[in-house]
Each structure stands twice: as C-alpha cells, then as structure tokens.
Amino acid sequence: MKINLPDKLYYSIGEVAKAFDVNTSLIRYWEQEFPIIKPKKNKKGNRYFTPEDIKNLQMIYHLVKEKGYTLDGARVALTTNSKISETITIIDRLEFVKAELLKLKESLGENDSE
C-alpha cells in the first residue's frame, strides 16, 4: 500500500487517517493495541505522528487489512518477524513497477491502433 504523505517531521491524526483511508478512531485504537506506535501529544492531547510511527502503522495496516491477521496475530508477527518492514518495502516497489508496466502497456496499445 502506497501512502501519500508529504515529507514532514509530524503528521496529525487526521492526515494519517486520510492517508490510510481509515477512521481516526481506528488509528487511536491501534495506538492502544500496539506499543510500537507512540505519537507525540501536545498539552491539549492532540496526537502528532512521526515518520517512524507511519512506518509502524503501515506494517500494522499491511498485516491486519491486507493479510487478514487478527490484532493478536499481528502483534505476534511484529515481535517475531523482523523482515516485515523489508517485505512491505518490496511490495511497494513491485506495485510501482506493475503500475509503470501497465502504463507502458496502455501506451503501446494506443500506438497499435493508430
């Protein structure tokens, strides 16, 4: 899953939820369930997520939403499998390559009809 967030030091919970296409309540719930997510909070209690938090959320999203893990299963996988981050990076690269190949195929198909 490719998320579109600008390069910043901190992201609001709204930005994060929009990038993952989930409700803010789900982000708050995952924060409670997974100790690796530790957003900074200001005096008002607003959460600000770091790029490291975003990477961790991306791993959780991949396991829970894309692979169908339960929360307990995802928690176990995150603690026992150190290669999840690498796997997600590879999947992102492959999705990018696939998109580029599909664009190329479309452009070749348009040229054939001329």
PDB file of N, CA and C in Angstrom:
ATOM      1  N   MET A   1       0.829  -1.175   0.000  1.00  0.00           N
ATOM      2  CA  MET A   1       0.000   0.000   0.000  1.00  0.00           C
ATOM      3  C   MET A   1       0.874   1.239   0.000  1.00  0.00           C
ATOM      4  N   LYS A   2       0.685   2.074  -0.971  1.00  0.00           N
ATOM      5  CA  LYS A   2       1.441   3.315  -1.073  1.00  0.00           C
ATOM      6  C   LYS A   2       0.627   4.426  -0.424  1.00  0.00           C
ATOM      7  N   ILE A   3       1.234   5.078   0.567  1.00  0.00           N
ATOM      8  CA  ILE A   3       0.548   6.189   1.213  1.00  0.00           C
ATOM      9  C   ILE A   3       1.141   7.497   0.717  1.00  0.00           C
ATOM     10  N   ASN A   4       0.287   8.479   0.559  1.00  0.00           N
ATOM     11  CA  ASN A   4       0.731   9.774   0.060  1.00  0.00           C
ATOM     12  C   ASN A   4       0.733  10.791   1.182  1.00  0.00           C
ATOM     13  N   LEU A   5       1.891  10.989   1.763  1.00  0.00           N
ATOM     14  CA  LEU A   5       2.074  11.996   2.790  1.00  0.00           C
ATOM     15  C   LEU A   5       3.289  12.838   2.427  1.00  0.00           C
ATOM     16  N   PRO A   6       3.203  14.160   2.632  1.00  0.00           N
ATOM     17  CA  PRO A   6       4.376  14.998   2.357  1.00  0.00           C
ATOM     18  C   PRO A   6       5.472  14.722   3.384  1.00  0.00           C
ATOM     19  N   ASP A   7       6.697  15.075   3.044  1.00  0.00           N
ATOM     20  CA  ASP A   7       7.799  14.905   3.991  1.00  0.00           C
ATOM     21  C   ASP A   7       7.694  15.964   5.081  1.00  0.00           C
ATOM     22  N   LYS A   8       7.379  15.507   6.287  1.00  0.00           N
ATOM     23  CA  LYS A   8       7.263  16.396   7.432  1.00  0.00           C
ATOM     24  C   LYS A   8       7.807  15.682   8.658  1.00  0.00           C
ATOM     25  N   LEU A   9       8.057  16.451   9.710  1.00  0.00           N
ATOM     26  CA  LEU A   9       8.504  15.845  10.962  1.00  0.00           C
ATOM     27  C   LEU A   9       7.348  15.204  11.717  1.00  0.00           C
ATOM     28  N   TYR A  10       6.160  15.824  11.636  1.00  0.00           N
ATOM     29  CA  TYR A  10       4.998  15.332  12.365  1.00  0.00           C
ATOM     30  C   TYR A  10       3.753  15.403  11.498  1.00  0.00           C
ATOM     31  N   TYR A  11       2.871  14.427  11.696  1.00  0.00           N
ATOM     32  CA  TYR A  11       1.600  14.373  10.969  1.00  0.00           C
ATOM     33  C   TYR A  11       0.461  14.315  11.981  1.00  0.00           C
ATOM     34  N   SER A  12      -0.620  15.025  11.704  1.00  0.00           N
ATOM     35  CA  SER A  12      -1.782  14.974  12.584  1.00  0.00           C
ATOM     36  C   SER A  12      -2.508  13.651  12.382  1.00  0.00           C
ATOM     37  N   ILE A  13      -3.348  13.307  13.329  1.00  0.00           N
ATOM     38  CA  ILE A  13      -4.086  12.048  13.219  1.00  0.00           C
ATOM     39  C   ILE A  13      -5.029  12.080  12.017  1.00  0.00           C
ATOM     40  N   GLY A  14      -5.546  13.253  11.684  1.00  0.00           N
ATOM     41  CA  GLY A  14      -6.411  13.380  10.512  1.00  0.00           C
ATOM     42  C   GLY A  14      -5.672  13.085   9.222  1.00  0.00           C
ATOM     43  N   GLU A  15      -4.460  13.606   9.110  1.00  0.00           N
ATOM     44  CA  GLU A  15      -3.641  13.343   7.918  1.00  0.00           C
ATOM     45  C   GLU A  15      -3.324  11.855   7.790  1.00  0.00           C
ATOM     46  N   VAL A  16      -2.998  11.242   8.922  1.00  0.00           N
ATOM     47  CA  VAL A  16      -2.638   9.824   8.925  1.00  0.00           C
ATOM     48  C   VAL A  16      -3.851   8.973   8.541  1.00  0.00           C
ATOM     49  N   ALA A  17      -4.996   9.273   9.137  1.00  0.00           N
ATOM     50  CA  ALA A  17      -6.209   8.508   8.844  1.00  0.00           C
ATOM     51  C   ALA A  17      -6.591   8.641   7.376  1.00  0.00           C
ATOM     52  N   LYS A  18      -6.475   9.845   6.834  1.00  0.00           N
ATOM     53  CA  LYS A  18      -6.801  10.064   5.428  1.00  0.00           C
ATOM     54  C   LYS A  18      -5.839   9.294   4.515  1.00  0.00           C
ATOM     55  N   ALA A  19      -4.548   9.285   4.859  1.00  0.00           N
ATOM     56  CA  ALA A  19      -3.549   8.591   4.050  1.00  0.00           C
ATOM     57  C   ALA A  19      -3.821   7.088   4.010  1.00  0.00           C
ATOM     58  N   PHE A  20      -4.272   6.527   5.125  1.00  0.00           N
ATOM     59  CA  PHE A  20      -4.554   5.091   5.192  1.00  0.00           C
ATOM     60  C   PHE A  20      -6.004   4.767   4.840  1.00  0.00           C
ATOM     61  N   ASP A  21      -6.802   5.789   4.616  1.00  0.00           N
ATOM     62  CA  ASP A  21      -8.220   5.639   4.289  1.00  0.00           C
ATOM     63  C   ASP A  21      -8.967   4.856   5.369  1.00  0.00           C
ATOM     64  N   VAL A  22      -8.739   5.263   6.623  1.00  0.00           N
ATOM     65  CA  VAL A  22      -9.424   4.669   7.772  1.00  0.00           C
ATOM     66  C   VAL A  22      -9.918   5.802   8.670  1.00  0.00           C
ATOM     67  N   ASN A  23     -10.748   5.467   9.650  1.00  0.00           N
ATOM     68  CA  ASN A  23     -11.219   6.453  10.612  1.00  0.00           C
ATOM     69  C   ASN A  23     -10.128   6.772  11.625  1.00  0.00           C
ATOM     70  N   THR A  24     -10.194   7.971  12.181  1.00  0.00           N
ATOM     71  CA  THR A  24      -9.227   8.356  13.217  1.00  0.00           C
ATOM     72  C   THR A  24      -9.368   7.454  14.439  1.00  0.00           C
ATOM     73  N   SER A  25     -10.573   6.962  14.690  1.00  0.00           N
ATOM     74  CA  SER A  25     -10.778   6.083  15.846  1.00  0.00           C
ATOM     75  C   SER A  25      -9.972   4.787  15.699  1.00  0.00           C
ATOM     76  N   LEU A  26      -9.816   4.303  14.471  1.00  0.00           N
ATOM     77  CA  LEU A  26      -9.019   3.091  14.263  1.00  0.00           C
ATOM     78  C   LEU A  26      -7.546   3.359  14.561  1.00  0.00           C
ATOM     79  N   ILE A  27      -7.067   4.521  14.170  1.00  0.00           N
ATOM     80  CA  ILE A  27      -5.668   4.875  14.472  1.00  0.00           C
ATOM     81  C   ILE A  27      -5.474   4.943  15.995  1.00  0.00           C
ATOM     82  N   ARG A  28      -6.417   5.572  16.694  1.00  0.00           N
ATOM     83  CA  ARG A  28      -6.321   5.651  18.162  1.00  0.00           C
ATOM     84  C   ARG A  28      -6.384   4.255  18.780  1.00  0.00           C
ATOM     85  N   TYR A  29      -7.229   3.384  18.229  1.00  0.00           N
ATOM     86  CA  TYR A  29      -7.346   2.021  18.750  1.00  0.00           C
ATOM     87  C   TYR A  29      -6.038   1.255  18.551  1.00  0.00           C
ATOM     88  N   TRP A  30      -5.465   1.360  17.351  1.00  0.00           N
ATOM     89  CA  TRP A  30      -4.188   0.685  17.102  1.00  0.00           C
ATOM     90  C   TRP A  30      -3.099   1.227  18.014  1.00  0.00           C
ATOM     91  N   GLU A  31      -3.164   2.514  18.313  1.00  0.00           N
ATOM     92  CA  GLU A  31      -2.180   3.103  19.236  1.00  0.00           C
ATOM     93  C   GLU A  31      -2.261   2.409  20.600  1.00  0.00           C
ATOM     94  N   GLN A  32      -3.471   2.101  21.059  1.00  0.00           N
ATOM     95  CA  GLN A  32      -3.642   1.411  22.338  1.00  0.00           C
ATOM     96  C   GLN A  32      -3.183  -0.042  22.260  1.00  0.00           C
ATOM     97  N   GLU A  33      -3.416  -0.675  21.130  1.00  0.00           N
ATOM     98  CA  GLU A  33      -3.154  -2.106  20.987  1.00  0.00           C
ATOM     99  C   GLU A  33      -1.698  -2.445  20.661  1.00  0.00           C
ATOM    100  N   PHE A  34      -0.986  -1.523  20.040  1.00  0.00           N
ATOM    101  CA  PHE A  34       0.387  -1.796  19.606  1.00  0.00           C
ATOM    102  C   PHE A  34       1.349  -0.805  20.261  1.00  0.00           C
ATOM    103  N   PRO A  35       2.201  -1.293  21.140  1.00  0.00           N
ATOM    104  CA  PRO A  35       3.120  -0.390  21.850  1.00  0.00           C
ATOM    105  C   PRO A  35       4.177   0.276  20.956  1.00  0.00           C
ATOM    106  N   ILE A  36       4.336  -0.198  19.714  1.00  0.00           N
ATOM    107  CA  ILE A  36       5.336   0.420  18.840  1.00  0.00           C
ATOM    108  C   ILE A  36       4.858   1.763  18.291  1.00  0.00           C
ATOM    109  N   ILE A  37       3.583   2.067  18.430  1.00  0.00           N
ATOM    110  CA  ILE A  37       3.051   3.354  17.970  1.00  0.00           C
ATOM    111  C   ILE A  37       3.033   4.300  19.156  1.00  0.00           C
ATOM    112  N   LYS A  38       3.865   5.319  19.083  1.00  0.00           N
ATOM    113  CA  LYS A  38       4.000   6.267  20.188  1.00  0.00           C
ATOM    114  C   LYS A  38       3.971   7.697  19.663  1.00  0.00           C
ATOM    115  N   PRO A  39       2.796   8.205  19.305  1.00  0.00           N
ATOM    116  CA  PRO A  39       2.753   9.583  18.812  1.00  0.00           C
ATOM    117  C   PRO A  39       3.041  10.576  19.932  1.00  0.00           C
ATOM    118  N   LYS A  40       3.587  11.711  19.541  1.00  0.00           N
ATOM    119  CA  LYS A  40       3.797  12.797  20.490  1.00  0.00           C
ATOM    120  C   LYS A  40       2.440  13.432  20.754  1.00  0.00           C
ATOM    121  N   LYS A  41       2.239  13.929  21.962  1.00  0.00           N
ATOM    122  CA  LYS A  41       0.984  14.620  22.283  1.00  0.00           C
ATOM    123  C   LYS A  41       1.309  15.991  22.851  1.00  0.00           C
ATOM    124  N   ASN A  42       0.522  16.981  22.422  1.00  0.00           N
ATOM    125  CA  ASN A  42       0.712  18.315  22.966  1.00  0.00           C
ATOM    126  C   ASN A  42      -0.136  18.464  24.237  1.00  0.00           C
ATOM    127  N   LYS A  43      -0.152  19.645  24.815  1.00  0.00           N
ATOM    128  CA  LYS A  43      -0.879  19.854  26.069  1.00  0.00           C
ATOM    129  C   LYS A  43      -2.373  19.613  25.926  1.00  0.00           C
ATOM    130  N   LYS A  44      -2.908  19.836  24.738  1.00  0.00           N
ATOM    131  CA  LYS A  44      -4.332  19.604  24.504  1.00  0.00           C
ATOM    132  C   LYS A  44      -4.631  18.122  24.275  1.00  0.00           C
ATOM    133  N   GLY A  45      -3.601  17.313  24.089  1.00  0.00           N
ATOM    134  CA  GLY A  45      -3.799  15.891  23.853  1.00  0.00           C
ATOM    135  C   GLY A  45      -3.842  15.510  22.389  1.00  0.00           C
ATOM    136  N   ASN A  46      -3.583  16.463  21.503  1.00  0.00           N
ATOM    137  CA  ASN A  46      -3.554  16.160  20.066  1.00  0.00           C
ATOM    138  C   ASN A  46      -2.354  15.282  19.752  1.00  0.00           C
ATOM    139  N   ARG A  47      -2.582  14.288  18.934  1.00  0.00           N
ATOM    140  CA  ARG A  47      -1.519  13.354  18.573  1.00  0.00           C
ATOM    141  C   ARG A  47      -0.784  13.839  17.329  1.00  0.00           C
ATOM    142  N   TYR A  48       0.547  13.688  17.362  1.00  0.00           N
ATOM    143  CA  TYR A  48       1.377  14.011  16.205  1.00  0.00           C
ATOM    144  C   TYR A  48       2.300  12.833  15.946  1.00  0.00           C
ATOM    145  N   PHE A  49       2.141  12.242  14.770  1.00  0.00           N
ATOM    146  CA  PHE A  49       2.857  11.025  14.418  1.00  0.00           C
ATOM    147  C   PHE A  49       4.135  11.343  13.661  1.00  0.00           C
ATOM    148  N   THR A  50       5.201  10.632  13.981  1.00  0.00           N
ATOM    149  CA  THR A  50       6.488  10.791  13.317  1.00  0.00           C
ATOM    150  C   THR A  50       6.534   9.866  12.107  1.00  0.00           C
ATOM    151  N   PRO A  51       7.489  10.078  11.203  1.00  0.00           N
ATOM    152  CA  PRO A  51       7.646   9.139  10.085  1.00  0.00           C
ATOM    153  C   PRO A  51       7.856   7.697  10.552  1.00  0.00           C
ATOM    154  N   GLU A  52       8.505   7.505  11.696  1.00  0.00           N
ATOM    155  CA  GLU A  52       8.692   6.157  12.248  1.00  0.00           C
ATOM    156  C   GLU A  52       7.340   5.547  12.633  1.00  0.00           C
ATOM    157  N   ASP A  53       6.459   6.365  13.229  1.00  0.00           N
ATOM    158  CA  ASP A  53       5.112   5.890  13.554  1.00  0.00           C
ATOM    159  C   ASP A  53       4.366   5.499  12.283  1.00  0.00           C
ATOM    160  N   ILE A  54       4.555   6.279  11.219  1.00  0.00           N
ATOM    161  CA  ILE A  54       3.880   5.997   9.949  1.00  0.00           C
ATOM    162  C   ILE A  54       4.338   4.640   9.405  1.00  0.00           C
ATOM    163  N   LYS A  55       5.631   4.369   9.486  1.00  0.00           N
ATOM    164  CA  LYS A  55       6.148   3.067   9.027  1.00  0.00           C
ATOM    165  C   LYS A  55       5.545   1.926   9.841  1.00  0.00           C
ATOM    166  N   ASN A  56       5.448   2.130  11.151  1.00  0.00           N
ATOM    167  CA  ASN A  56       4.861   1.101  12.004  1.00  0.00           C
ATOM    168  C   ASN A  56       3.379   0.910  11.697  1.00  0.00           C
ATOM    169  N   LEU A  57       2.669   2.010  11.486  1.00  0.00           N
ATOM    170  CA  LEU A  57       1.258   1.906  11.111  1.00  0.00           C
ATOM    171  C   LEU A  57       1.100   1.198   9.768  1.00  0.00           C
ATOM    172  N   GLN A  58       2.026   1.439   8.860  1.00  0.00           N
ATOM    173  CA  GLN A  58       1.974   0.790   7.557  1.00  0.00           C
ATOM    174  C   GLN A  58       2.147  -0.723   7.708  1.00  0.00           C
ATOM    175  N   MET A  59       3.037  -1.151   8.610  1.00  0.00           N
ATOM    176  CA  MET A  59       3.215  -2.582   8.856  1.00  0.00           C
ATOM    177  C   MET A  59       1.948  -3.181   9.455  1.00  0.00           C
ATOM    178  N   ILE A  60       1.353  -2.474  10.419  1.00  0.00           N
ATOM    179  CA  ILE A  60       0.129  -2.961  11.049  1.00  0.00           C
ATOM    180  C   ILE A  60      -0.994  -3.033  10.018  1.00  0.00           C
ATOM    181  N   TYR A  61      -1.124  -1.991   9.204  1.00  0.00           N
ATOM    182  CA  TYR A  61      -2.159  -1.968   8.169  1.00  0.00           C
ATOM    183  C   TYR A  61      -1.981  -3.153   7.222  1.00  0.00           C
ATOM    184  N   HIS A  62      -0.753  -3.389   6.810  1.00  0.00           N
ATOM    185  CA  HIS A  62      -0.471  -4.499   5.895  1.00  0.00           C
ATOM    186  C   HIS A  62      -0.906  -5.828   6.504  1.00  0.00           C
ATOM    187  N   LEU A  63      -0.534  -6.049   7.752  1.00  0.00           N
ATOM    188  CA  LEU A  63      -0.851  -7.324   8.387  1.00  0.00           C
ATOM    189  C   LEU A  63      -2.347  -7.486   8.633  1.00  0.00           C
ATOM    190  N   VAL A  64      -2.989  -6.439   9.147  1.00  0.00           N
ATOM    191  CA  VAL A  64      -4.389  -6.556   9.551  1.00  0.00           C
ATOM    192  C   VAL A  64      -5.345  -6.426   8.366  1.00  0.00           C
ATOM    193  N   LYS A  65      -5.157  -5.411   7.559  1.00  0.00           N
ATOM    194  CA  LYS A  65      -6.120  -5.127   6.487  1.00  0.00           C
ATOM    195  C   LYS A  65      -5.834  -5.904   5.202  1.00  0.00           C
ATOM    196  N   GLU A  66      -4.570  -6.072   4.862  1.00  0.00           N
ATOM    197  CA  GLU A  66      -4.239  -6.727   3.601  1.00  0.00           C
ATOM    198  C   GLU A  66      -4.030  -8.231   3.753  1.00  0.00           C
ATOM    199  N   LYS A  67      -3.421  -8.647   4.847  1.00  0.00           N
ATOM    200  CA  LYS A  67      -3.145 -10.074   5.048  1.00  0.00           C
ATOM    201  C   LYS A  67      -4.216 -10.768   5.885  1.00  0.00           C
ATOM    202  N   GLY A  68      -5.073  -9.996   6.560  1.00  0.00           N
ATOM    203  CA  GLY A  68      -6.163 -10.583   7.328  1.00  0.00           C
ATOM    204  C   GLY A  68      -5.782 -11.118   8.695  1.00  0.00           C
ATOM    205  N   TYR A  69      -4.683 -10.645   9.252  1.00  0.00           N
ATOM    206  CA  TYR A  69      -4.271 -11.078  10.586  1.00  0.00           C
ATOM    207  C   TYR A  69      -5.243 -10.519  11.628  1.00  0.00           C
ATOM    208  N   THR A  70      -5.380 -11.248  12.734  1.00  0.00           N
ATOM    209  CA  THR A  70      -6.068 -10.683  13.891  1.00  0.00           C
ATOM    210  C   THR A  70      -5.099  -9.716  14.560  1.00  0.00           C
ATOM    211  N   LEU A  71      -5.601  -8.917  15.484  1.00  0.00           N
ATOM    212  CA  LEU A  71      -4.706  -7.985  16.180  1.00  0.00           C
ATOM    213  C   LEU A  71      -3.660  -8.749  16.985  1.00  0.00           C
ATOM    214  N   ASP A  72      -4.080  -9.839  17.628  1.00  0.00           N
ATOM    215  CA  ASP A  72      -3.104 -10.654  18.367  1.00  0.00           C
ATOM    216  C   ASP A  72      -2.072 -11.256  17.427  1.00  0.00           C
ATOM    217  N   GLY A  73      -2.525 -11.742  16.284  1.00  0.00           N
ATOM    218  CA  GLY A  73      -1.609 -12.311  15.303  1.00  0.00           C
ATOM    219  C   GLY A  73      -0.637 -11.282  14.767  1.00  0.00           C
ATOM    220  N   ALA A  74      -1.135 -10.083  14.516  1.00  0.00           N
ATOM    221  CA  ALA A  74      -0.267  -9.010  14.028  1.00  0.00           C
ATOM    222  C   ALA A  74       0.758  -8.623  15.095  1.00  0.00           C
ATOM    223  N   ARG A  75       0.309  -8.581  16.338  1.00  0.00           N
ATOM    224  CA  ARG A  75       1.225  -8.232  17.430  1.00  0.00           C
ATOM    225  C   ARG A  75       2.346  -9.255  17.531  1.00  0.00           C
ATOM    226  N   VAL A  76       1.995 -10.527  17.426  1.00  0.00           N
ATOM    227  CA  VAL A  76       2.994 -11.600  17.480  1.00  0.00           C
ATOM    228  C   VAL A  76       3.924 -11.510  16.278  1.00  0.00           C
ATOM    229  N   ALA A  77       3.354 -11.291  15.091  1.00  0.00           N
ATOM    230  CA  ALA A  77       4.172 -11.211  13.876  1.00  0.00           C
ATOM    231  C   ALA A  77       5.162 -10.053  13.960  1.00  0.00           C
ATOM    232  N   LEU A  78       4.735  -8.927  14.510  1.00  0.00           N
ATOM    233  CA  LEU A  78       5.634  -7.774  14.621  1.00  0.00           C
ATOM    234  C   LEU A  78       6.785  -8.040  15.579  1.00  0.00           C
ATOM    235  N   THR A  79       6.537  -8.817  16.620  1.00  0.00           N
ATOM    236  CA  THR A  79       7.606  -9.084  17.586  1.00  0.00           C
ATOM    237  C   THR A  79       8.515 -10.226  17.154  1.00  0.00           C
ATOM    238  N   THR A  80       7.997 -11.154  16.341  1.00  0.00           N
ATOM    239  CA  THR A  80       8.809 -12.320  15.974  1.00  0.00           C
ATOM    240  C   THR A  80       9.416 -12.233  14.579  1.00  0.00           C
ATOM    241  N   ASN A  81       8.809 -11.469  13.679  1.00  0.00           N
ATOM    242  CA  ASN A  81       9.286 -11.419  12.293  1.00  0.00           C
ATOM    243  C   ASN A  81       9.919 -10.059  12.023  1.00  0.00           C
ATOM    244  N   SER A  82      11.229 -10.034  11.971  1.00  0.00           N
ATOM    245  CA  SER A  82      11.944  -8.768  11.769  1.00  0.00           C
ATOM    246  C   SER A  82      11.956  -8.331  10.305  1.00  0.00           C
ATOM    247  N   LYS A  83      11.492  -9.175   9.396  1.00  0.00           N
ATOM    248  CA  LYS A  83      11.571  -8.849   7.968  1.00  0.00           C
ATOM    249  C   LYS A  83      10.273  -8.258   7.416  1.00  0.00           C
ATOM    250  N   ILE A  84       9.304  -7.961   8.258  1.00  0.00           N
ATOM    251  CA  ILE A  84       8.032  -7.414   7.775  1.00  0.00           C
ATOM    252  C   ILE A  84       8.260  -6.077   7.080  1.00  0.00           C
ATOM    253  N   SER A  85       9.101  -5.242   7.650  1.00  0.00           N
ATOM    254  CA  SER A  85       9.387  -3.935   7.056  1.00  0.00           C
ATOM    255  C   SER A  85       9.988  -4.101   5.662  1.00  0.00           C
ATOM    256  N   GLU A  86      10.923  -5.035   5.521  1.00  0.00           N
ATOM    257  CA  GLU A  86      11.539  -5.290   4.216  1.00  0.00           C
ATOM    258  C   GLU A  86      10.494  -5.806   3.223  1.00  0.00           C
ATOM    259  N   THR A  87       9.614  -6.676   3.688  1.00  0.00           N
ATOM    260  CA  THR A  87       8.564  -7.227   2.833  1.00  0.00           C
ATOM    261  C   THR A  87       7.660  -6.121   2.314  1.00  0.00           C
ATOM    262  N   ILE A  88       7.272  -5.207   3.179  1.00  0.00           N
ATOM    263  CA  ILE A  88       6.404  -4.105   2.769  1.00  0.00           C
ATOM    264  C   ILE A  88       7.112  -3.207   1.764  1.00  0.00           C
ATOM    265  N   THR A  89       8.389  -2.956   1.970  1.00  0.00           N
ATOM    266  CA  THR A  89       9.165  -2.148   1.032  1.00  0.00           C
ATOM    267  C   THR A  89       9.207  -2.822  -0.342  1.00  0.00           C
ATOM    268  N   ILE A  90       9.423  -4.116  -0.356  1.00  0.00           N
ATOM    269  CA  ILE A  90       9.468  -4.861  -1.622  1.00  0.00           C
ATOM    270  C   ILE A  90       8.105  -4.832  -2.309  1.00  0.00           C
ATOM    271  N   ILE A  91       7.034  -5.004  -1.541  1.00  0.00           N
ATOM    272  CA  ILE A  91       5.687  -4.960  -2.116  1.00  0.00           C
ATOM    273  C   ILE A  91       5.419  -3.602  -2.741  1.00  0.00           C
ATOM    274  N   ASP A  92       5.807  -2.525  -2.043  1.00  0.00           N
ATOM    275  CA  ASP A  92       5.630  -1.175  -2.591  1.00  0.00           C
ATOM    276  C   ASP A  92       6.382  -1.007  -3.906  1.00  0.00           C
ATOM    277  N   ARG A  93       7.608  -1.497  -3.951  1.00  0.00           N
ATOM    278  CA  ARG A  93       8.401  -1.400  -5.184  1.00  0.00           C
ATOM    279  C   ARG A  93       7.760  -2.185  -6.318  1.00  0.00           C
ATOM    280  N   LEU A  94       7.285  -3.384  -5.999  1.00  0.00           N
ATOM    281  CA  LEU A  94       6.648  -4.206  -7.023  1.00  0.00           C
ATOM    282  C   LEU A  94       5.356  -3.569  -7.531  1.00  0.00           C
ATOM    283  N   GLU A  95       4.582  -2.954  -6.640  1.00  0.00           N
ATOM    284  CA  GLU A  95       3.363  -2.273  -7.069  1.00  0.00           C
ATOM    285  C   GLU A  95       3.699  -1.092  -7.978  1.00  0.00           C
ATOM    286  N   PHE A  96       4.787  -0.386  -7.676  1.00  0.00           N
ATOM    287  CA  PHE A  96       5.221   0.719  -8.518  1.00  0.00           C
ATOM    288  C   PHE A  96       5.621   0.210  -9.901  1.00  0.00           C
ATOM    289  N   VAL A  97       6.400  -0.868  -9.938  1.00  0.00           N
ATOM    290  CA  VAL A  97       6.825  -1.449 -11.213  1.00  0.00           C
ATOM    291  C   VAL A  97       5.614  -1.914 -12.013  1.00  0.00           C
ATOM    292  N   LYS A  98       4.667  -2.552 -11.343  1.00  0.00           N
ATOM    293  CA  LYS A  98       3.451  -3.009 -12.017  1.00  0.00           C
ATOM    294  C   LYS A  98       2.703  -1.838 -12.635  1.00  0.00           C
ATOM    295  N   ALA A  99       2.566  -0.748 -11.892  1.00  0.00           N
ATOM    296  CA  ALA A  99       1.864   0.431 -12.406  1.00  0.00           C
ATOM    297  C   ALA A  99       2.584   0.998 -13.623  1.00  0.00           C
ATOM    298  N   GLU A 100       3.903   1.048 -13.568  1.00  0.00           N
ATOM    299  CA  GLU A 100       4.679   1.552 -14.701  1.00  0.00           C
ATOM    300  C   GLU A 100       4.523   0.641 -15.919  1.00  0.00           C
ATOM    301  N   LEU A 101       4.531  -0.658 -15.692  1.00  0.00           N
ATOM    302  CA  LEU A 101       4.356  -1.597 -16.798  1.00  0.00           C
ATOM    303  C   LEU A 101       2.963  -1.485 -17.414  1.00  0.00           C
ATOM    304  N   LEU A 102       1.955  -1.280 -16.572  1.00  0.00           N
ATOM    305  CA  LEU A 102       0.604  -1.105 -17.096  1.00  0.00           C
ATOM    306  C   LEU A 102       0.491   0.170 -17.929  1.00  0.00           C
ATOM    307  N   LYS A 103       1.162   1.248 -17.480  1.00  0.00           N
ATOM    308  CA  LYS A 103       1.180   2.489 -18.265  1.00  0.00           C
ATOM    309  C   LYS A 103       1.840   2.244 -19.622  1.00  0.00           C
ATOM    310  N   LEU A 104       2.949   1.522 -19.596  1.00  0.00           N
ATOM    311  CA  LEU A 104       3.671   1.207 -20.825  1.00  0.00           C
ATOM    312  C   LEU A 104       2.806   0.364 -21.754  1.00  0.00           C
ATOM    313  N   LYS A 105       2.121  -0.612 -21.194  1.00  0.00           N
ATOM    314  CA  LYS A 105       1.238  -1.466 -21.993  1.00  0.00           C
ATOM    315  C   LYS A 105       0.123  -0.638 -22.629  1.00  0.00           C
ATOM    316  N   GLU A 106      -0.454   0.281 -21.857  1.00  0.00           N
ATOM    317  CA  GLU A 106      -1.503   1.156 -22.393  1.00  0.00           C
ATOM    318  C   GLU A 106      -0.995   2.006 -23.533  1.00  0.00           C
ATOM    319  N   SER A 107       0.189   2.592 -23.343  1.00  0.00           N
ATOM    320  CA  SER A 107       0.737   3.453 -24.399  1.00  0.00           C
ATOM    321  C   SER A 107       1.069   2.645 -25.642  1.00  0.00           C
ATOM    322  N   LEU A 108       1.529   1.419 -25.489  1.00  0.00           N
ATOM    323  CA  LEU A 108       1.805   0.561 -26.636  1.00  0.00           C
ATOM    324  C   LEU A 108       0.508   0.163 -27.345  1.00  0.00           C
ATOM    325  N   GLY A 109      -0.540  -0.073 -26.556  1.00  0.00           N
ATOM    326  CA  GLY A 109      -1.829  -0.426 -27.125  1.00  0.00           C
ATOM    327  C   GLY A 109      -2.420   0.724 -27.920  1.00  0.00           C
ATOM    328  N   GLU A 110      -2.212   1.945 -27.453  1.00  0.00           N
ATOM    329  CA  GLU A 110      -2.698   3.129 -28.182  1.00  0.00           C
ATOM    330  C   GLU A 110      -1.944   3.308 -29.488  1.00  0.00           C
ATOM    331  N   ASN A 111      -0.650   3.009 -29.486  1.00  0.00           N
ATOM    332  CA  ASN A 111       0.153   3.169 -30.688  1.00  0.00           C
ATOM    333  C   ASN A 111      -0.213   2.125 -31.750  1.00  0.00           C
ATOM    334  N   ASP A 112      -0.627   0.923 -31.307  1.00  0.00           N
ATOM    335  CA  ASP A 112      -1.006  -0.129 -32.250  1.00  0.00           C
ATOM    336  C   ASP A 112      -2.263   0.235 -33.036  1.00  0.00           C
ATOM    337  N   SER A 113      -3.165   0.983 -32.417  1.00  0.00           N
ATOM    338  CA  SER A 113      -4.444   1.289 -33.062  1.00  0.00           C
ATOM    339  C   SER A 113      -4.315   2.438 -34.057  1.00  0.00           C
ATOM    340  N   GLU A 114      -3.203   3.128 -34.066  1.00  0.00           N
ATOM    341  CA  GLU A 114      -3.026   4.269 -34.985  1.00  0.00           C
ATOM    342  C   GLU A 114      -2.673   3.825 -36.374  1.00  0.00           C
TER     343      GLU A 114
END
